[in-house]
Amino acid sequence: MAEPLTLAGLVVPNHPEAGVDFDHADLQFHRVDHSGHSYEVRVYLNNHDATEETGREEGAGYAGSFFIFGHGGCYGEEGHCDPKRRGSHAFDLRPPHPLEPTTKSLEITDSLKRIRDGGTSELDVTLVPIVRSGDVPAAGPIHDELKLDSVSLVTYETSGA
């Protein structure tokens, strides 16, 4: 089972001045690997102790979850599942390799406003990957850890002048 991953120090947007506030907030997870198991990622805000057993209550910092439909390993010859093997060519019109890492987005507007209104200026994000017990790898060694490049906090202001 993969261990929870905590990302610390995201800056919470200041309380609105002059009545302008964000209308929408997303956490964006960049270049998430999906070559292994299928799994759920539960996202907790300001809860470093979150585990698979942690509830999905607001008081536990639960903000939502996203799912990865995993590839399940590689069945092809060596290099078949390596997205970098294909290379990049100016006239190559094929779609990206199916195993290119993906981007996931999770809407956290209400949770972020609640944290901000409570006076917190930094946001820690704990990601708890959960692989169901029936999800058995079918071929070759498969990692069971959450791999991603970065996380962004994005806010949107859609109303106003």
C-alpha atoms as a PDB file:
ATOM      1  CA  MET A   1       0.000   0.000   0.000  1.00  0.00           C
ATOM      2  CA  ALA A   2       1.252   3.432  -0.835  1.00  0.00           C
ATOM      3  CA  GLU A   3       2.092   5.838   1.945  1.00  0.00           C
ATOM      4  CA  PRO A   4       0.253   9.156   2.318  1.00  0.00           C
ATOM      5  CA  LEU A   5       2.081  12.122   0.829  1.00  0.00           C
ATOM      6  CA  THR A   6       1.915  15.581   2.427  1.00  0.00           C
ATOM      7  CA  LEU A   7       2.673  18.735   0.458  1.00  0.00           C
ATOM      8  CA  ALA A   8       3.192  21.678   2.786  1.00  0.00           C
ATOM      9  CA  GLY A   9       3.145  25.431   2.478  1.00  0.00           C
ATOM     10  CA  LEU A  10       0.648  26.340  -0.236  1.00  0.00           C
ATOM     11  CA  VAL A  11      -0.430  29.949   0.337  1.00  0.00           C
ATOM     12  CA  VAL A  12      -4.093  30.528   1.170  1.00  0.00           C
ATOM     13  CA  PRO A  13      -5.491  33.589  -0.670  1.00  0.00           C
ATOM     14  CA  ASN A  14      -6.077  36.592   1.599  1.00  0.00           C
ATOM     15  CA  HIS A  15      -9.543  37.512   2.754  1.00  0.00           C
ATOM     16  CA  PRO A  16     -11.138  39.714   0.116  1.00  0.00           C
ATOM     17  CA  GLU A  17     -10.698  43.433   0.303  1.00  0.00           C
ATOM     18  CA  ALA A  18     -13.215  45.725  -1.393  1.00  0.00           C
ATOM     19  CA  GLY A  19     -15.686  42.846  -1.663  1.00  0.00           C
ATOM     20  CA  VAL A  20     -13.838  40.887  -4.376  1.00  0.00           C
ATOM     21  CA  ASP A  21     -13.404  37.196  -3.617  1.00  0.00           C
ATOM     22  CA  PHE A  22     -12.597  34.066  -5.572  1.00  0.00           C
ATOM     23  CA  ASP A  23     -15.610  32.155  -6.844  1.00  0.00           C
ATOM     24  CA  HIS A  24     -13.900  28.859  -7.487  1.00  0.00           C
ATOM     25  CA  ALA A  25     -10.763  27.075  -6.282  1.00  0.00           C
ATOM     26  CA  ASP A  26      -9.078  23.955  -7.640  1.00  0.00           C
ATOM     27  CA  LEU A  27      -6.149  21.839  -6.616  1.00  0.00           C
ATOM     28  CA  GLN A  28      -4.418  20.685  -9.791  1.00  0.00           C
ATOM     29  CA  PHE A  29      -2.195  17.606  -9.721  1.00  0.00           C
ATOM     30  CA  HIS A  30       0.328  17.651 -12.558  1.00  0.00           C
ATOM     31  CA  ARG A  31       1.878  14.687 -14.367  1.00  0.00           C
ATOM     32  CA  VAL A  32       0.238  11.965 -12.270  1.00  0.00           C
ATOM     33  CA  ASP A  33       1.552   8.513 -13.152  1.00  0.00           C
ATOM     34  CA  HIS A  34      -1.128   5.994 -14.138  1.00  0.00           C
ATOM     35  CA  SER A  35       1.036   3.096 -15.323  1.00  0.00           C
ATOM     36  CA  GLY A  36       0.360   0.895 -12.284  1.00  0.00           C
ATOM     37  CA  HIS A  37      -2.717   0.041 -10.233  1.00  0.00           C
ATOM     38  CA  SER A  38      -6.072   1.737 -10.394  1.00  0.00           C
ATOM     39  CA  TYR A  39      -6.539   3.697  -7.195  1.00  0.00           C
ATOM     40  CA  GLU A  40      -8.404   6.423  -5.372  1.00  0.00           C
ATOM     41  CA  VAL A  41      -6.596   9.442  -3.924  1.00  0.00           C
ATOM     42  CA  ARG A  42      -8.329  11.031  -0.941  1.00  0.00           C
ATOM     43  CA  VAL A  43      -7.319  14.633  -0.388  1.00  0.00           C
ATOM     44  CA  TYR A  44      -7.137  16.120   3.114  1.00  0.00           C
ATOM     45  CA  LEU A  45      -6.380  19.753   3.929  1.00  0.00           C
ATOM     46  CA  ASN A  46      -4.281  20.620   6.993  1.00  0.00           C
ATOM     47  CA  ASN A  47      -4.373  17.042   8.330  1.00  0.00           C
ATOM     48  CA  HIS A  48      -0.878  15.518   8.336  1.00  0.00           C
ATOM     49  CA  ASP A  49      -2.165  12.414  10.131  1.00  0.00           C
ATOM     50  CA  ALA A  50      -4.684  11.350   7.475  1.00  0.00           C
ATOM     51  CA  THR A  51      -4.584   7.661   6.530  1.00  0.00           C
ATOM     52  CA  GLU A  52      -6.811   5.207   4.702  1.00  0.00           C
ATOM     53  CA  GLU A  53      -8.869   4.894   7.908  1.00  0.00           C
ATOM     54  CA  THR A  54      -9.481   8.648   8.218  1.00  0.00           C
ATOM     55  CA  GLY A  55     -13.105   9.546   7.631  1.00  0.00           C
ATOM     56  CA  ARG A  56     -14.509  11.693   4.864  1.00  0.00           C
ATOM     57  CA  GLU A  57     -15.801  14.368   7.213  1.00  0.00           C
ATOM     58  CA  GLU A  58     -15.190  18.093   6.962  1.00  0.00           C
ATOM     59  CA  GLY A  59     -13.725  18.051  10.495  1.00  0.00           C
ATOM     60  CA  ALA A  60     -11.026  15.598   9.351  1.00  0.00           C
ATOM     61  CA  GLY A  61      -9.985  18.011   6.605  1.00  0.00           C
ATOM     62  CA  TYR A  62     -11.455  15.876   3.818  1.00  0.00           C
ATOM     63  CA  ALA A  63     -11.720  17.942   0.623  1.00  0.00           C
ATOM     64  CA  GLY A  64     -12.635  15.244  -1.908  1.00  0.00           C
ATOM     65  CA  SER A  65     -11.021  12.536  -3.971  1.00  0.00           C
ATOM     66  CA  PHE A  66     -10.003  11.660  -7.488  1.00  0.00           C
ATOM     67  CA  PHE A  67      -9.489   8.338  -9.206  1.00  0.00           C
ATOM     68  CA  ILE A  68      -6.788   6.967 -11.448  1.00  0.00           C
ATOM     69  CA  PHE A  69      -7.690   4.213 -13.896  1.00  0.00           C
ATOM     70  CA  GLY A  70      -4.342   2.437 -13.978  1.00  0.00           C
ATOM     71  CA  HIS A  71      -2.719   0.744 -16.944  1.00  0.00           C
ATOM     72  CA  GLY A  72      -1.868  -2.322 -14.842  1.00  0.00           C
ATOM     73  CA  GLY A  73       1.688  -2.881 -15.995  1.00  0.00           C
ATOM     74  CA  CYS A  74       3.224  -3.489 -19.389  1.00  0.00           C
ATOM     75  CA  TYR A  75       2.449  -6.474 -21.589  1.00  0.00           C
ATOM     76  CA  GLY A  76       4.560  -5.445 -24.576  1.00  0.00           C
ATOM     77  CA  GLU A  77       8.217  -5.863 -25.415  1.00  0.00           C
ATOM     78  CA  GLU A  78      10.879  -3.894 -23.566  1.00  0.00           C
ATOM     79  CA  GLY A  79      10.374  -0.166 -24.094  1.00  0.00           C
ATOM     80  CA  HIS A  80       6.796  -0.635 -25.365  1.00  0.00           C
ATOM     81  CA  CYS A  81       5.347   1.239 -22.389  1.00  0.00           C
ATOM     82  CA  ASP A  82       7.985   3.976 -22.263  1.00  0.00           C
ATOM     83  CA  PRO A  83       6.402   7.265 -23.398  1.00  0.00           C
ATOM     84  CA  LYS A  84       9.854   8.773 -24.001  1.00  0.00           C
ATOM     85  CA  ARG A  85      10.799   6.041 -26.483  1.00  0.00           C
ATOM     86  CA  ARG A  86       8.553   7.479 -29.188  1.00  0.00           C
ATOM     87  CA  GLY A  87      10.420  10.763 -29.402  1.00  0.00           C
ATOM     88  CA  SER A  88       9.101  14.007 -30.767  1.00  0.00           C
ATOM     89  CA  HIS A  89       8.923  14.819 -34.463  1.00  0.00           C
ATOM     90  CA  ALA A  90       7.590  17.956 -36.169  1.00  0.00           C
ATOM     91  CA  PHE A  91       5.322  16.011 -38.557  1.00  0.00           C
ATOM     92  CA  ASP A  92       4.176  13.293 -36.135  1.00  0.00           C
ATOM     93  CA  LEU A  93       0.412  13.806 -35.873  1.00  0.00           C
ATOM     94  CA  ARG A  94      -0.269  10.845 -33.594  1.00  0.00           C
ATOM     95  CA  PRO A  95      -1.915  11.557 -30.249  1.00  0.00           C
ATOM     96  CA  PRO A  96       0.336  11.492 -27.175  1.00  0.00           C
ATOM     97  CA  HIS A  97       1.520   8.100 -25.900  1.00  0.00           C
ATOM     98  CA  PRO A  98      -1.243   6.536 -23.755  1.00  0.00           C
ATOM     99  CA  LEU A  99       1.083   6.365 -20.761  1.00  0.00           C
ATOM    100  CA  GLU A 100       1.993  10.046 -20.697  1.00  0.00           C
ATOM    101  CA  PRO A 101       1.303  11.237 -17.145  1.00  0.00           C
ATOM    102  CA  THR A 102      -2.072  12.886 -16.665  1.00  0.00           C
ATOM    103  CA  THR A 103      -3.398  15.982 -14.899  1.00  0.00           C
ATOM    104  CA  LYS A 104      -6.182  15.769 -12.324  1.00  0.00           C
ATOM    105  CA  SER A 105      -8.180  18.621 -10.845  1.00  0.00           C
ATOM    106  CA  LEU A 106     -10.187  18.723  -7.603  1.00  0.00           C
ATOM    107  CA  GLU A 107     -12.622  21.533  -6.762  1.00  0.00           C
ATOM    108  CA  ILE A 108     -12.036  22.745  -3.159  1.00  0.00           C
ATOM    109  CA  THR A 109     -13.809  26.133  -3.072  1.00  0.00           C
ATOM    110  CA  ASP A 110     -15.844  25.653   0.115  1.00  0.00           C
ATOM    111  CA  SER A 111     -13.026  23.902   1.981  1.00  0.00           C
ATOM    112  CA  LEU A 112     -10.496  26.595   1.080  1.00  0.00           C
ATOM    113  CA  LYS A 113     -12.827  29.448   2.084  1.00  0.00           C
ATOM    114  CA  ARG A 114     -13.541  27.710   5.398  1.00  0.00           C
ATOM    115  CA  ILE A 115      -9.801  27.375   6.096  1.00  0.00           C
ATOM    116  CA  ARG A 116      -9.109  30.964   5.074  1.00  0.00           C
ATOM    117  CA  ASP A 117     -11.989  32.338   7.141  1.00  0.00           C
ATOM    118  CA  GLY A 118     -10.589  30.423  10.136  1.00  0.00           C
ATOM    119  CA  GLY A 119      -7.444  32.560   9.937  1.00  0.00           C
ATOM    120  CA  THR A 120      -5.042  30.051   8.397  1.00  0.00           C
ATOM    121  CA  SER A 121      -2.542  31.453   5.894  1.00  0.00           C
ATOM    122  CA  GLU A 122      -0.890  28.211   4.728  1.00  0.00           C
ATOM    123  CA  LEU A 123      -2.412  25.075   3.314  1.00  0.00           C
ATOM    124  CA  ASP A 124      -0.964  21.600   3.708  1.00  0.00           C
ATOM    125  CA  VAL A 125      -2.353  18.949   1.371  1.00  0.00           C
ATOM    126  CA  THR A 126      -2.197  15.274   2.341  1.00  0.00           C
ATOM    127  CA  LEU A 127      -2.817  12.753  -0.430  1.00  0.00           C
ATOM    128  CA  VAL A 128      -3.876   9.273   0.673  1.00  0.00           C
ATOM    129  CA  PRO A 129      -3.703   6.739  -2.192  1.00  0.00           C
ATOM    130  CA  ILE A 130      -5.980   3.731  -1.743  1.00  0.00           C
ATOM    131  CA  VAL A 131      -5.636   0.589  -3.850  1.00  0.00           C
ATOM    132  CA  ARG A 132      -8.567  -1.760  -3.342  1.00  0.00           C
ATOM    133  CA  SER A 133      -7.607  -5.228  -2.089  1.00  0.00           C
ATOM    134  CA  GLY A 134      -9.055  -6.917  -5.188  1.00  0.00           C
ATOM    135  CA  ASP A 135      -6.852  -4.895  -7.545  1.00  0.00           C
ATOM    136  CA  VAL A 136      -4.068  -7.395  -8.129  1.00  0.00           C
ATOM    137  CA  PRO A 137      -1.299  -6.540 -10.589  1.00  0.00           C
ATOM    138  CA  ALA A 138      -1.543  -8.662 -13.715  1.00  0.00           C
ATOM    139  CA  ALA A 139       1.915  -8.421 -15.276  1.00  0.00           C
ATOM    140  CA  GLY A 140       5.422  -7.577 -14.149  1.00  0.00           C
ATOM    141  CA  PRO A 141       6.489  -5.492 -11.199  1.00  0.00           C
ATOM    142  CA  ILE A 142       4.172  -2.561 -10.600  1.00  0.00           C
ATOM    143  CA  HIS A 143       4.911   0.266  -8.203  1.00  0.00           C
ATOM    144  CA  ASP A 144       2.266   1.035  -5.626  1.00  0.00           C
ATOM    145  CA  GLU A 145       3.192   4.586  -4.790  1.00  0.00           C
ATOM    146  CA  LEU A 146       1.601   7.821  -5.868  1.00  0.00           C
ATOM    147  CA  LYS A 147       3.878   9.627  -8.308  1.00  0.00           C
ATOM    148  CA  LEU A 148       3.291  13.169  -9.527  1.00  0.00           C
ATOM    149  CA  ASP A 149       5.380  16.192 -10.431  1.00  0.00           C
ATOM    150  CA  SER A 150       3.615  19.074  -8.708  1.00  0.00           C
ATOM    151  CA  VAL A 151       0.439  20.457  -7.169  1.00  0.00           C
ATOM    152  CA  SER A 152      -1.017  23.910  -7.882  1.00  0.00           C
ATOM    153  CA  LEU A 153      -3.668  25.855  -6.027  1.00  0.00           C
ATOM    154  CA  VAL A 154      -5.688  27.812  -8.597  1.00  0.00           C
ATOM    155  CA  THR A 155      -8.404  30.325  -7.743  1.00  0.00           C
ATOM    156  CA  TYR A 156     -10.823  31.990 -10.150  1.00  0.00           C
ATOM    157  CA  GLU A 157     -12.614  35.301  -9.856  1.00  0.00           C
ATOM    158  CA  THR A 158     -15.567  35.162 -12.231  1.00  0.00           C
ATOM    159  CA  SER A 159     -17.789  37.889 -10.821  1.00  0.00           C
ATOM    160  CA  GLY A 160     -17.199  41.562 -10.251  1.00  0.00           C
ATOM    161  CA  ALA A 161     -16.897  44.736 -12.247  1.00  0.00           C
END
